[in-house]
Amino acid sequence: MRLKILSEDEIDALYGRPRFTQEERVEYFTLSAQEKVALAQLHSLKSKVFFILQLGYFKARRMFFVFGLKDAVDDAAYVRDKYFSAFSEGDTEIAETTRLKQQRLILDLCKYRNPDAVVRRKLEVRAGQAAAMCGKPVYVFRELMHYLAEQRIVALGYSSMQDMIGRALAQEQRRLEAIVIDHVGPSAKFALNRLLEDTQGLHEITLLKRDPRDFSNHEIRREVERGKQIRELYKLSQLLLPHLLIPNENIRYYATLVDYYSVQKLRQLSAPIVYVYLLCFIQHRYQKLHDNLIQSLLHHVRKHADDARDAANPNIS
């Protein structure tokens, strides 16, 4: 099963053949002087219509599509009316050799190139680097798409991107697991495993996920207790996380996975990678806890200031 990166709508927006408005047809199907010279090299009117359509779609998406004139009725009608009023559709398909020849011509016009083996190897490296920066699949995807656009390279198909990003994330996971196995000792494992144990009908990690509902004394005392509960684990995270070489962006992301996954789901993952997620969660939660306490202090200081002002000026409503 391939990695899910984009929603169906996002896939269509990036990889679907464009559906132009009338204004967009004017923009994308208007030919430059150089493009008109290239068009003159083609012979049949049908070939010229397909060339203009392929060129317009490429300008919009920076990738090519396989289609017939029946698939692009409105666009074909616009091109016919604008350039070839004498064109009669007849056969609505184009030979593959002609289509590929036109694509090579379009690549030359737009100064783009198809991804070859060298490009793919470079993309694998960049995917690994991006995965080490942030474990979100969509982040790695955007980094690769940005690189392809910057280098003026036609984007890989979505399934190819899924496979490449999946390999990069798996490689990063193996790297983290190997470090955890070397650096997390039995006592640390015991402390982390306790977070997933059921105590008083609730798992400890579930209790830790809860933020204060308000700034009441009861809620803030509970938050202070949570801080005492995880203080030693926080010190552990401070010792172990530097060995993992995880950027702050990835620490935040892995912490959110603990929030997102149920305890049952976490238990299904490999133990070393769960330890990584838990260490990131503890560090992020401990820092967030102190932010909550600071916000509480500010809230109560403002409240006391307002109360003091009201007491000093009873006539002020």
C-alpha atoms as a PDB file:
ATOM      1  CA  MET A   1       0.000   0.000   0.000  1.00  0.00           C
ATOM      2  CA  ARG A   2       1.475   3.324  -1.087  1.00  0.00           C
ATOM      3  CA  LEU A   3       2.050   6.273   1.218  1.00  0.00           C
ATOM      4  CA  LYS A   4      -0.816   8.761   1.347  1.00  0.00           C
ATOM      5  CA  ILE A   5       0.581  12.256   0.771  1.00  0.00           C
ATOM      6  CA  LEU A   6      -2.123  14.349  -0.885  1.00  0.00           C
ATOM      7  CA  SER A   7      -5.905  14.383  -0.840  1.00  0.00           C
ATOM      8  CA  GLU A   8      -7.811  13.476  -4.007  1.00  0.00           C
ATOM      9  CA  ASP A   9      -8.504  17.160  -4.664  1.00  0.00           C
ATOM     10  CA  GLU A  10      -4.821  18.046  -4.226  1.00  0.00           C
ATOM     11  CA  ILE A  11      -3.780  15.257  -6.577  1.00  0.00           C
ATOM     12  CA  ASP A  12      -6.205  16.514  -9.190  1.00  0.00           C
ATOM     13  CA  ALA A  13      -5.036  20.113  -8.736  1.00  0.00           C
ATOM     14  CA  LEU A  14      -1.408  19.123  -9.317  1.00  0.00           C
ATOM     15  CA  TYR A  15      -1.652  16.165 -11.681  1.00  0.00           C
ATOM     16  CA  GLY A  16      -5.009  16.492 -13.377  1.00  0.00           C
ATOM     17  CA  ARG A  17      -5.257  17.905 -16.878  1.00  0.00           C
ATOM     18  CA  PRO A  18      -6.147  21.592 -16.556  1.00  0.00           C
ATOM     19  CA  ARG A  19      -9.758  22.695 -16.907  1.00  0.00           C
ATOM     20  CA  PHE A  20      -9.388  26.199 -18.269  1.00  0.00           C
ATOM     21  CA  THR A  21     -11.743  29.120 -18.016  1.00  0.00           C
ATOM     22  CA  GLN A  22     -12.134  31.291 -21.107  1.00  0.00           C
ATOM     23  CA  GLU A  23      -9.620  33.794 -19.701  1.00  0.00           C
ATOM     24  CA  GLU A  24      -7.114  30.995 -19.060  1.00  0.00           C
ATOM     25  CA  ARG A  25      -7.519  29.718 -22.624  1.00  0.00           C
ATOM     26  CA  VAL A  26      -6.541  33.157 -23.892  1.00  0.00           C
ATOM     27  CA  GLU A  27      -3.502  33.109 -21.606  1.00  0.00           C
ATOM     28  CA  TYR A  28      -2.231  29.584 -22.206  1.00  0.00           C
ATOM     29  CA  PHE A  29      -3.157  29.066 -25.864  1.00  0.00           C
ATOM     30  CA  THR A  30      -1.719  32.362 -27.125  1.00  0.00           C
ATOM     31  CA  LEU A  31       1.511  31.644 -29.007  1.00  0.00           C
ATOM     32  CA  SER A  32       4.759  33.572 -28.851  1.00  0.00           C
ATOM     33  CA  ALA A  33       6.752  34.287 -31.998  1.00  0.00           C
ATOM     34  CA  GLN A  34       9.104  31.378 -31.215  1.00  0.00           C
ATOM     35  CA  GLU A  35       6.175  29.034 -30.632  1.00  0.00           C
ATOM     36  CA  LYS A  36       4.623  30.041 -33.960  1.00  0.00           C
ATOM     37  CA  VAL A  37       7.887  29.123 -35.705  1.00  0.00           C
ATOM     38  CA  ALA A  38       7.796  25.701 -34.016  1.00  0.00           C
ATOM     39  CA  LEU A  39       4.144  25.277 -35.008  1.00  0.00           C
ATOM     40  CA  ALA A  40       5.012  25.919 -38.653  1.00  0.00           C
ATOM     41  CA  GLN A  41       7.215  22.807 -38.621  1.00  0.00           C
ATOM     42  CA  LEU A  42       4.150  20.617 -38.207  1.00  0.00           C
ATOM     43  CA  HIS A  43       2.159  19.475 -41.201  1.00  0.00           C
ATOM     44  CA  SER A  44      -1.453  18.497 -40.554  1.00  0.00           C
ATOM     45  CA  LEU A  45      -3.983  20.759 -38.893  1.00  0.00           C
ATOM     46  CA  LYS A  46      -4.792  18.030 -36.379  1.00  0.00           C
ATOM     47  CA  SER A  47      -1.141  17.820 -35.373  1.00  0.00           C
ATOM     48  CA  LYS A  48      -1.032  21.593 -34.924  1.00  0.00           C
ATOM     49  CA  VAL A  49      -4.167  21.599 -32.770  1.00  0.00           C
ATOM     50  CA  PHE A  50      -2.696  18.900 -30.528  1.00  0.00           C
ATOM     51  CA  PHE A  51       0.586  20.785 -30.309  1.00  0.00           C
ATOM     52  CA  ILE A  52      -1.119  23.981 -29.088  1.00  0.00           C
ATOM     53  CA  LEU A  53      -3.182  22.001 -26.573  1.00  0.00           C
ATOM     54  CA  GLN A  54      -0.141  20.103 -25.260  1.00  0.00           C
ATOM     55  CA  LEU A  55       1.859  23.331 -25.048  1.00  0.00           C
ATOM     56  CA  GLY A  56      -0.897  25.142 -23.148  1.00  0.00           C
ATOM     57  CA  TYR A  57      -1.353  22.296 -20.684  1.00  0.00           C
ATOM     58  CA  PHE A  58       2.398  22.082 -20.158  1.00  0.00           C
ATOM     59  CA  LYS A  59       2.636  25.796 -19.428  1.00  0.00           C
ATOM     60  CA  ALA A  60      -0.060  25.382 -16.785  1.00  0.00           C
ATOM     61  CA  ARG A  61       1.167  22.170 -15.092  1.00  0.00           C
ATOM     62  CA  ARG A  62       4.772  21.646 -16.252  1.00  0.00           C
ATOM     63  CA  MET A  63       3.887  18.069 -17.168  1.00  0.00           C
ATOM     64  CA  PHE A  64       2.351  16.230 -20.094  1.00  0.00           C
ATOM     65  CA  PHE A  65      -1.005  14.483 -20.492  1.00  0.00           C
ATOM     66  CA  VAL A  66      -2.406  11.807 -22.775  1.00  0.00           C
ATOM     67  CA  PHE A  67      -5.766  12.880 -24.177  1.00  0.00           C
ATOM     68  CA  GLY A  68      -7.928  12.931 -27.268  1.00  0.00           C
ATOM     69  CA  LEU A  69      -9.865  15.846 -28.706  1.00  0.00           C
ATOM     70  CA  LYS A  70     -13.060  14.392 -27.219  1.00  0.00           C
ATOM     71  CA  ASP A  71     -11.460  14.809 -23.772  1.00  0.00           C
ATOM     72  CA  ALA A  72     -10.779  18.500 -24.397  1.00  0.00           C
ATOM     73  CA  VAL A  73     -13.799  19.585 -26.415  1.00  0.00           C
ATOM     74  CA  ASP A  74     -13.974  23.213 -25.227  1.00  0.00           C
ATOM     75  CA  ASP A  75     -10.222  23.783 -25.432  1.00  0.00           C
ATOM     76  CA  ALA A  76     -10.037  22.211 -28.897  1.00  0.00           C
ATOM     77  CA  ALA A  77     -12.952  24.361 -30.073  1.00  0.00           C
ATOM     78  CA  TYR A  78     -11.183  27.499 -28.825  1.00  0.00           C
ATOM     79  CA  VAL A  79      -7.929  26.570 -30.613  1.00  0.00           C
ATOM     80  CA  ARG A  80      -9.815  25.697 -33.800  1.00  0.00           C
ATOM     81  CA  ASP A  81     -11.759  28.981 -33.811  1.00  0.00           C
ATOM     82  CA  LYS A  82      -8.666  31.058 -33.015  1.00  0.00           C
ATOM     83  CA  TYR A  83      -6.172  29.460 -35.404  1.00  0.00           C
ATOM     84  CA  PHE A  84      -7.718  26.903 -37.762  1.00  0.00           C
ATOM     85  CA  SER A  85     -11.305  27.681 -38.698  1.00  0.00           C
ATOM     86  CA  ALA A  86     -11.061  25.190 -41.579  1.00  0.00           C
ATOM     87  CA  PHE A  87     -10.119  22.314 -39.269  1.00  0.00           C
ATOM     88  CA  SER A  88     -12.579  19.412 -39.180  1.00  0.00           C
ATOM     89  CA  GLU A  89     -11.969  17.066 -36.274  1.00  0.00           C
ATOM     90  CA  GLY A  90     -12.468  13.671 -37.911  1.00  0.00           C
ATOM     91  CA  ASP A  91     -10.005  11.389 -36.079  1.00  0.00           C
ATOM     92  CA  THR A  92      -9.777  12.723 -32.533  1.00  0.00           C
ATOM     93  CA  GLU A  93      -6.650  10.809 -31.463  1.00  0.00           C
ATOM     94  CA  ILE A  94      -2.980  11.395 -32.196  1.00  0.00           C
ATOM     95  CA  ALA A  95      -0.256   8.814 -32.806  1.00  0.00           C
ATOM     96  CA  GLU A  96       2.072   8.197 -29.858  1.00  0.00           C
ATOM     97  CA  THR A  97       5.163   8.941 -31.950  1.00  0.00           C
ATOM     98  CA  THR A  98       3.691  12.317 -32.925  1.00  0.00           C
ATOM     99  CA  ARG A  99       2.722  13.086 -29.340  1.00  0.00           C
ATOM    100  CA  LEU A 100       6.220  12.298 -28.032  1.00  0.00           C
ATOM    101  CA  LYS A 101       7.837  14.291 -30.837  1.00  0.00           C
ATOM    102  CA  GLN A 102       5.706  17.300 -29.916  1.00  0.00           C
ATOM    103  CA  GLN A 103       6.621  16.889 -26.255  1.00  0.00           C
ATOM    104  CA  ARG A 104      10.326  17.017 -27.100  1.00  0.00           C
ATOM    105  CA  LEU A 105       9.681  20.183 -29.078  1.00  0.00           C
ATOM    106  CA  ILE A 106       7.779  21.717 -26.145  1.00  0.00           C
ATOM    107  CA  LEU A 107      10.554  20.826 -23.705  1.00  0.00           C
ATOM    108  CA  ASP A 108      13.029  22.598 -25.953  1.00  0.00           C
ATOM    109  CA  LEU A 109      10.781  25.675 -26.225  1.00  0.00           C
ATOM    110  CA  CYS A 110      10.236  25.864 -22.454  1.00  0.00           C
ATOM    111  CA  LYS A 111      13.840  24.960 -21.544  1.00  0.00           C
ATOM    112  CA  TYR A 112      12.692  21.947 -19.537  1.00  0.00           C
ATOM    113  CA  ARG A 113      13.903  18.340 -19.477  1.00  0.00           C
ATOM    114  CA  ASN A 114      12.577  14.953 -18.491  1.00  0.00           C
ATOM    115  CA  PRO A 115      13.946  13.298 -15.331  1.00  0.00           C
ATOM    116  CA  ASP A 116      16.672  10.767 -16.190  1.00  0.00           C
ATOM    117  CA  ALA A 117      18.519   8.273 -13.977  1.00  0.00           C
ATOM    118  CA  VAL A 118      20.926  10.950 -12.717  1.00  0.00           C
ATOM    119  CA  VAL A 119      18.050  13.237 -11.740  1.00  0.00           C
ATOM    120  CA  ARG A 120      16.280  10.396  -9.959  1.00  0.00           C
ATOM    121  CA  ARG A 121      19.374   9.600  -7.904  1.00  0.00           C
ATOM    122  CA  LYS A 122      19.676  13.262  -6.914  1.00  0.00           C
ATOM    123  CA  LEU A 123      15.997  13.274  -5.954  1.00  0.00           C
ATOM    124  CA  GLU A 124      16.513  10.213  -3.743  1.00  0.00           C
ATOM    125  CA  VAL A 125      19.283  12.074  -1.910  1.00  0.00           C
ATOM    126  CA  ARG A 126      17.196  15.217  -1.510  1.00  0.00           C
ATOM    127  CA  ALA A 127      14.249  13.162  -0.310  1.00  0.00           C
ATOM    128  CA  GLY A 128      16.452  11.648   2.393  1.00  0.00           C
ATOM    129  CA  GLN A 129      17.690  15.082   3.441  1.00  0.00           C
ATOM    130  CA  ALA A 130      14.148  16.462   3.562  1.00  0.00           C
ATOM    131  CA  ALA A 131      12.901  13.457   5.563  1.00  0.00           C
ATOM    132  CA  ALA A 132      15.636  14.110   8.142  1.00  0.00           C
ATOM    133  CA  MET A 133      14.423  17.717   8.438  1.00  0.00           C
ATOM    134  CA  CYS A 134      10.716  16.906   8.722  1.00  0.00           C
ATOM    135  CA  GLY A 135       8.927  13.563   8.750  1.00  0.00           C
ATOM    136  CA  LYS A 136       5.726  14.902   7.197  1.00  0.00           C
ATOM    137  CA  PRO A 137       5.310  13.225   3.797  1.00  0.00           C
ATOM    138  CA  VAL A 138       3.784  16.391   2.319  1.00  0.00           C
ATOM    139  CA  TYR A 139       6.857  18.405   3.414  1.00  0.00           C
ATOM    140  CA  VAL A 140       9.184  16.031   1.562  1.00  0.00           C
ATOM    141  CA  PHE A 141       6.851  16.112  -1.443  1.00  0.00           C
ATOM    142  CA  ARG A 142       6.900  19.911  -1.591  1.00  0.00           C
ATOM    143  CA  GLU A 143      10.681  20.004  -1.250  1.00  0.00           C
ATOM    144  CA  LEU A 144      11.058  17.650  -4.214  1.00  0.00           C
ATOM    145  CA  MET A 145       8.517  19.533  -6.318  1.00  0.00           C
ATOM    146  CA  HIS A 146      10.314  22.793  -5.542  1.00  0.00           C
ATOM    147  CA  TYR A 147      13.628  21.263  -6.605  1.00  0.00           C
ATOM    148  CA  LEU A 148      12.133  19.957  -9.863  1.00  0.00           C
ATOM    149  CA  ALA A 149      10.648  23.363 -10.694  1.00  0.00           C
ATOM    150  CA  GLU A 150      13.881  25.137  -9.787  1.00  0.00           C
ATOM    151  CA  GLN A 151      15.884  22.811 -12.040  1.00  0.00           C
ATOM    152  CA  ARG A 152      13.236  23.017 -14.799  1.00  0.00           C
ATOM    153  CA  ILE A 153      12.594  19.280 -14.761  1.00  0.00           C
ATOM    154  CA  VAL A 154       9.244  17.656 -15.541  1.00  0.00           C
ATOM    155  CA  ALA A 155       7.671  16.352 -12.338  1.00  0.00           C
ATOM    156  CA  LEU A 156       7.625  12.635 -11.646  1.00  0.00           C
ATOM    157  CA  GLY A 157       4.259  10.893 -11.558  1.00  0.00           C
ATOM    158  CA  TYR A 158       2.447  10.842  -8.231  1.00  0.00           C
ATOM    159  CA  SER A 159       2.996   7.104  -7.664  1.00  0.00           C
ATOM    160  CA  SER A 160       6.734   7.525  -8.309  1.00  0.00           C
ATOM    161  CA  MET A 161       6.838  10.365  -5.787  1.00  0.00           C
ATOM    162  CA  GLN A 162       4.956   8.228  -3.262  1.00  0.00           C
ATOM    163  CA  ASP A 163       7.462   5.396  -3.622  1.00  0.00           C
ATOM    164  CA  MET A 164      10.488   7.689  -3.406  1.00  0.00           C
ATOM    165  CA  ILE A 165       9.210   9.553  -0.343  1.00  0.00           C
ATOM    166  CA  GLY A 166       8.198   6.281   1.309  1.00  0.00           C
ATOM    167  CA  ARG A 167      11.749   4.969   0.891  1.00  0.00           C
ATOM    168  CA  ALA A 168      13.226   8.189   2.299  1.00  0.00           C
ATOM    169  CA  LEU A 169      10.998   8.134   5.380  1.00  0.00           C
ATOM    170  CA  ALA A 170      11.708   4.434   5.961  1.00  0.00           C
ATOM    171  CA  GLN A 171      15.442   5.095   5.720  1.00  0.00           C
ATOM    172  CA  GLU A 172      15.188   7.911   8.277  1.00  0.00           C
ATOM    173  CA  GLN A 173      13.179   5.645  10.565  1.00  0.00           C
ATOM    174  CA  ARG A 174      15.860   2.946  10.360  1.00  0.00           C
ATOM    175  CA  ARG A 175      18.514   5.535  11.223  1.00  0.00           C
ATOM    176  CA  LEU A 176      16.603   6.637  14.316  1.00  0.00           C
ATOM    177  CA  GLU A 177      15.897   3.076  15.402  1.00  0.00           C
ATOM    178  CA  ALA A 178      19.584   2.154  15.199  1.00  0.00           C
ATOM    179  CA  ILE A 179      20.583   5.106  17.396  1.00  0.00           C
ATOM    180  CA  VAL A 180      17.852   4.375  19.929  1.00  0.00           C
ATOM    181  CA  ILE A 181      18.964   0.760  20.217  1.00  0.00           C
ATOM    182  CA  ASP A 182      22.502   1.948  20.982  1.00  0.00           C
ATOM    183  CA  HIS A 183      21.646   4.749  23.434  1.00  0.00           C
ATOM    184  CA  VAL A 184      18.400   3.888  25.252  1.00  0.00           C
ATOM    185  CA  GLY A 185      19.189   1.633  28.207  1.00  0.00           C
ATOM    186  CA  PRO A 186      16.897  -0.691  30.167  1.00  0.00           C
ATOM    187  CA  SER A 187      15.934   1.889  32.818  1.00  0.00           C
ATOM    188  CA  ALA A 188      15.003   4.464  30.147  1.00  0.00           C
ATOM    189  CA  LYS A 189      12.960   1.866  28.258  1.00  0.00           C
ATOM    190  CA  PHE A 190      11.146   0.957  31.479  1.00  0.00           C
ATOM    191  CA  ALA A 191      10.290   4.609  32.154  1.00  0.00           C
ATOM    192  CA  LEU A 192       9.037   5.155  28.613  1.00  0.00           C
ATOM    193  CA  ASN A 193       7.041   1.923  28.557  1.00  0.00           C
ATOM    194  CA  ARG A 194       5.250   3.020  31.741  1.00  0.00           C
ATOM    195  CA  LEU A 195       3.677   5.859  29.749  1.00  0.00           C
ATOM    196  CA  LEU A 196       1.741   3.292  27.742  1.00  0.00           C
ATOM    197  CA  GLU A 197       0.576   1.317  30.770  1.00  0.00           C
ATOM    198  CA  ASP A 198      -3.006   1.408  32.009  1.00  0.00           C
ATOM    199  CA  THR A 199      -3.226   3.061  35.433  1.00  0.00           C
ATOM    200  CA  GLN A 200      -6.557   3.713  37.125  1.00  0.00           C
ATOM    201  CA  GLY A 201      -8.405   3.006  33.912  1.00  0.00           C
ATOM    202  CA  LEU A 202      -6.369   5.461  31.809  1.00  0.00           C
ATOM    203  CA  HIS A 203      -2.955   5.253  30.196  1.00  0.00           C
ATOM    204  CA  GLU A 204      -0.410   7.698  31.588  1.00  0.00           C
ATOM    205  CA  ILE A 205       0.266   9.111  28.130  1.00  0.00           C
ATOM    206  CA  THR A 206      -3.462   9.871  27.741  1.00  0.00           C
ATOM    207  CA  LEU A 207      -3.427  11.879  30.956  1.00  0.00           C
ATOM    208  CA  LEU A 208      -0.338  13.779  29.834  1.00  0.00           C
ATOM    209  CA  LYS A 209      -1.945  14.756  26.548  1.00  0.00           C
ATOM    210  CA  ARG A 210      -4.587  16.804  28.330  1.00  0.00           C
ATOM    211  CA  ASP A 211      -4.101  20.554  28.441  1.00  0.00           C
ATOM    212  CA  PRO A 212      -5.625  22.717  31.196  1.00  0.00           C
ATOM    213  CA  ARG A 213      -9.234  23.544  30.380  1.00  0.00           C
ATOM    214  CA  ASP A 214      -8.875  26.995  31.942  1.00  0.00           C
ATOM    215  CA  PHE A 215      -6.674  28.994  34.320  1.00  0.00           C
ATOM    216  CA  SER A 216      -8.465  27.900  37.489  1.00  0.00           C
ATOM    217  CA  ASN A 217      -6.354  26.937  40.497  1.00  0.00           C
ATOM    218  CA  HIS A 218      -7.486  23.322  40.224  1.00  0.00           C
ATOM    219  CA  GLU A 219      -6.405  23.018  36.570  1.00  0.00           C
ATOM    220  CA  ILE A 220      -3.080  24.772  37.124  1.00  0.00           C
ATOM    221  CA  ARG A 221      -2.244  22.587  40.139  1.00  0.00           C
ATOM    222  CA  ARG A 222      -2.920  19.568  37.947  1.00  0.00           C
ATOM    223  CA  GLU A 223      -0.598  20.983  35.291  1.00  0.00           C
ATOM    224  CA  VAL A 224       2.135  21.474  37.895  1.00  0.00           C
ATOM    225  CA  GLU A 225       1.701  17.846  38.944  1.00  0.00           C
ATOM    226  CA  ARG A 226       2.104  16.748  35.353  1.00  0.00           C
ATOM    227  CA  GLY A 227       5.368  18.658  35.239  1.00  0.00           C
ATOM    228  CA  LYS A 228       6.634  16.860  38.339  1.00  0.00           C
ATOM    229  CA  GLN A 229       5.539  13.545  36.840  1.00  0.00           C
ATOM    230  CA  ILE A 230       7.559  13.926  33.636  1.00  0.00           C
ATOM    231  CA  ARG A 231      10.521  15.946  34.951  1.00  0.00           C
ATOM    232  CA  GLU A 232      12.852  12.946  34.983  1.00  0.00           C
ATOM    233  CA  LEU A 233      11.659  11.857  31.548  1.00  0.00           C
ATOM    234  CA  TYR A 234      12.297  15.379  30.289  1.00  0.00           C
ATOM    235  CA  LYS A 235      15.870  15.177  31.582  1.00  0.00           C
ATOM    236  CA  LEU A 236      16.152  11.847  29.783  1.00  0.00           C
ATOM    237  CA  SER A 237      14.921  13.411  26.540  1.00  0.00           C
ATOM    238  CA  GLN A 238      17.494  16.180  26.939  1.00  0.00           C
ATOM    239  CA  LEU A 239      20.215  13.546  27.167  1.00  0.00           C
ATOM    240  CA  LEU A 240      19.027  11.278  24.354  1.00  0.00           C
ATOM    241  CA  LEU A 241      17.548  13.522  21.669  1.00  0.00           C
ATOM    242  CA  PRO A 242      20.883  15.173  20.725  1.00  0.00           C
ATOM    243  CA  HIS A 243      22.163  11.718  19.705  1.00  0.00           C
ATOM    244  CA  LEU A 244      19.258  11.399  17.260  1.00  0.00           C
ATOM    245  CA  LEU A 245      20.129  14.629  15.428  1.00  0.00           C
ATOM    246  CA  ILE A 246      16.451  15.545  15.008  1.00  0.00           C
ATOM    247  CA  PRO A 247      15.717  19.163  14.005  1.00  0.00           C
ATOM    248  CA  ASN A 248      13.141  21.058  16.069  1.00  0.00           C
ATOM    249  CA  GLU A 249      10.607  20.818  13.240  1.00  0.00           C
ATOM    250  CA  ASN A 250      10.791  17.037  13.361  1.00  0.00           C
ATOM    251  CA  ILE A 251      10.644  16.964  17.163  1.00  0.00           C
ATOM    252  CA  ARG A 252       7.362  18.883  16.983  1.00  0.00           C
ATOM    253  CA  TYR A 253       6.049  16.580  14.260  1.00  0.00           C
ATOM    254  CA  TYR A 254       6.915  13.361  16.091  1.00  0.00           C
ATOM    255  CA  ALA A 255       5.353  14.824  19.242  1.00  0.00           C
ATOM    256  CA  THR A 256       2.091  15.414  17.355  1.00  0.00           C
ATOM    257  CA  LEU A 257       2.063  11.744  16.301  1.00  0.00           C
ATOM    258  CA  VAL A 258       1.793  10.730  19.966  1.00  0.00           C
ATOM    259  CA  ASP A 259      -1.176  13.103  20.246  1.00  0.00           C
ATOM    260  CA  TYR A 260      -2.671  11.686  17.061  1.00  0.00           C
ATOM    261  CA  TYR A 261      -2.139   7.949  17.583  1.00  0.00           C
ATOM    262  CA  SER A 262      -4.026   5.887  20.119  1.00  0.00           C
ATOM    263  CA  VAL A 263      -2.048   3.823  22.626  1.00  0.00           C
ATOM    264  CA  GLN A 264      -3.105   0.706  20.727  1.00  0.00           C
ATOM    265  CA  LYS A 265      -1.684   2.142  17.499  1.00  0.00           C
ATOM    266  CA  LEU A 266       1.583   3.120  19.199  1.00  0.00           C
ATOM    267  CA  ARG A 267       1.960  -0.412  20.515  1.00  0.00           C
ATOM    268  CA  GLN A 268       1.738  -1.719  16.958  1.00  0.00           C
ATOM    269  CA  LEU A 269       4.807   0.253  15.912  1.00  0.00           C
ATOM    270  CA  SER A 270       8.373  -0.908  16.479  1.00  0.00           C
ATOM    271  CA  ALA A 271       9.512  -0.233  20.045  1.00  0.00           C
ATOM    272  CA  PRO A 272      12.568   1.886  19.086  1.00  0.00           C
ATOM    273  CA  ILE A 273      10.523   4.268  16.925  1.00  0.00           C
ATOM    274  CA  VAL A 274       7.878   4.567  19.672  1.00  0.00           C
ATOM    275  CA  TYR A 275      10.661   5.596  22.059  1.00  0.00           C
ATOM    276  CA  VAL A 276      11.649   8.309  19.583  1.00  0.00           C
ATOM    277  CA  TYR A 277       8.075   9.605  19.409  1.00  0.00           C
ATOM    278  CA  LEU A 278       7.687   9.519  23.190  1.00  0.00           C
ATOM    279  CA  LEU A 279      10.970  11.354  23.817  1.00  0.00           C
ATOM    280  CA  CYS A 280       9.909  14.061  21.374  1.00  0.00           C
ATOM    281  CA  PHE A 281       6.472  14.236  22.983  1.00  0.00           C
ATOM    282  CA  ILE A 282       7.945  14.578  26.485  1.00  0.00           C
ATOM    283  CA  GLN A 283      10.270  17.382  25.438  1.00  0.00           C
ATOM    284  CA  HIS A 284       7.527  19.230  23.577  1.00  0.00           C
ATOM    285  CA  ARG A 285       4.958  18.666  26.347  1.00  0.00           C
ATOM    286  CA  TYR A 286       7.312  19.845  29.100  1.00  0.00           C
ATOM    287  CA  GLN A 287       8.051  23.044  27.220  1.00  0.00           C
ATOM    288  CA  LYS A 288       4.356  23.533  26.475  1.00  0.00           C
ATOM    289  CA  LEU A 289       3.584  22.969  30.147  1.00  0.00           C
ATOM    290  CA  HIS A 290       5.790  25.882  31.104  1.00  0.00           C
ATOM    291  CA  ASP A 291       4.152  28.025  28.428  1.00  0.00           C
ATOM    292  CA  ASN A 292       0.776  27.169  29.987  1.00  0.00           C
ATOM    293  CA  LEU A 293       2.007  28.176  33.447  1.00  0.00           C
ATOM    294  CA  ILE A 294       3.377  31.474  32.119  1.00  0.00           C
ATOM    295  CA  GLN A 295       0.067  32.203  30.370  1.00  0.00           C
ATOM    296  CA  SER A 296      -1.747  31.399  33.589  1.00  0.00           C
ATOM    297  CA  LEU A 297       0.460  33.798  35.534  1.00  0.00           C
ATOM    298  CA  LEU A 298      -0.157  36.563  32.996  1.00  0.00           C
ATOM    299  CA  HIS A 299      -3.881  35.898  33.112  1.00  0.00           C
ATOM    300  CA  HIS A 300      -4.020  36.191  36.895  1.00  0.00           C
ATOM    301  CA  VAL A 301      -1.760  39.275  36.973  1.00  0.00           C
ATOM    302  CA  ARG A 302      -4.059  41.002  34.466  1.00  0.00           C
ATOM    303  CA  LYS A 303      -7.111  39.939  36.475  1.00  0.00           C
ATOM    304  CA  HIS A 304      -5.660  41.289  39.723  1.00  0.00           C
ATOM    305  CA  ALA A 305      -4.700  44.528  37.966  1.00  0.00           C
ATOM    306  CA  ASP A 306      -8.236  44.885  36.610  1.00  0.00           C
ATOM    307  CA  ASP A 307      -9.733  44.129  40.030  1.00  0.00           C
ATOM    308  CA  ALA A 308      -7.434  46.660  41.685  1.00  0.00           C
ATOM    309  CA  ARG A 309      -8.369  49.312  39.122  1.00  0.00           C
ATOM    310  CA  ASP A 310     -12.075  48.641  39.620  1.00  0.00           C
ATOM    311  CA  ALA A 311     -11.685  48.833  43.392  1.00  0.00           C
ATOM    312  CA  ALA A 312      -9.795  52.132  43.192  1.00  0.00           C
ATOM    313  CA  ASN A 313     -12.322  53.620  40.750  1.00  0.00           C
ATOM    314  CA  PRO A 314     -15.744  52.233  41.705  1.00  0.00           C
ATOM    315  CA  ASN A 315     -17.542  54.718  39.401  1.00  0.00           C
ATOM    316  CA  ILE A 316     -15.830  53.356  36.289  1.00  0.00           C
ATOM    317  CA  SER A 317     -18.099  50.861  34.597  1.00  0.00           C
END
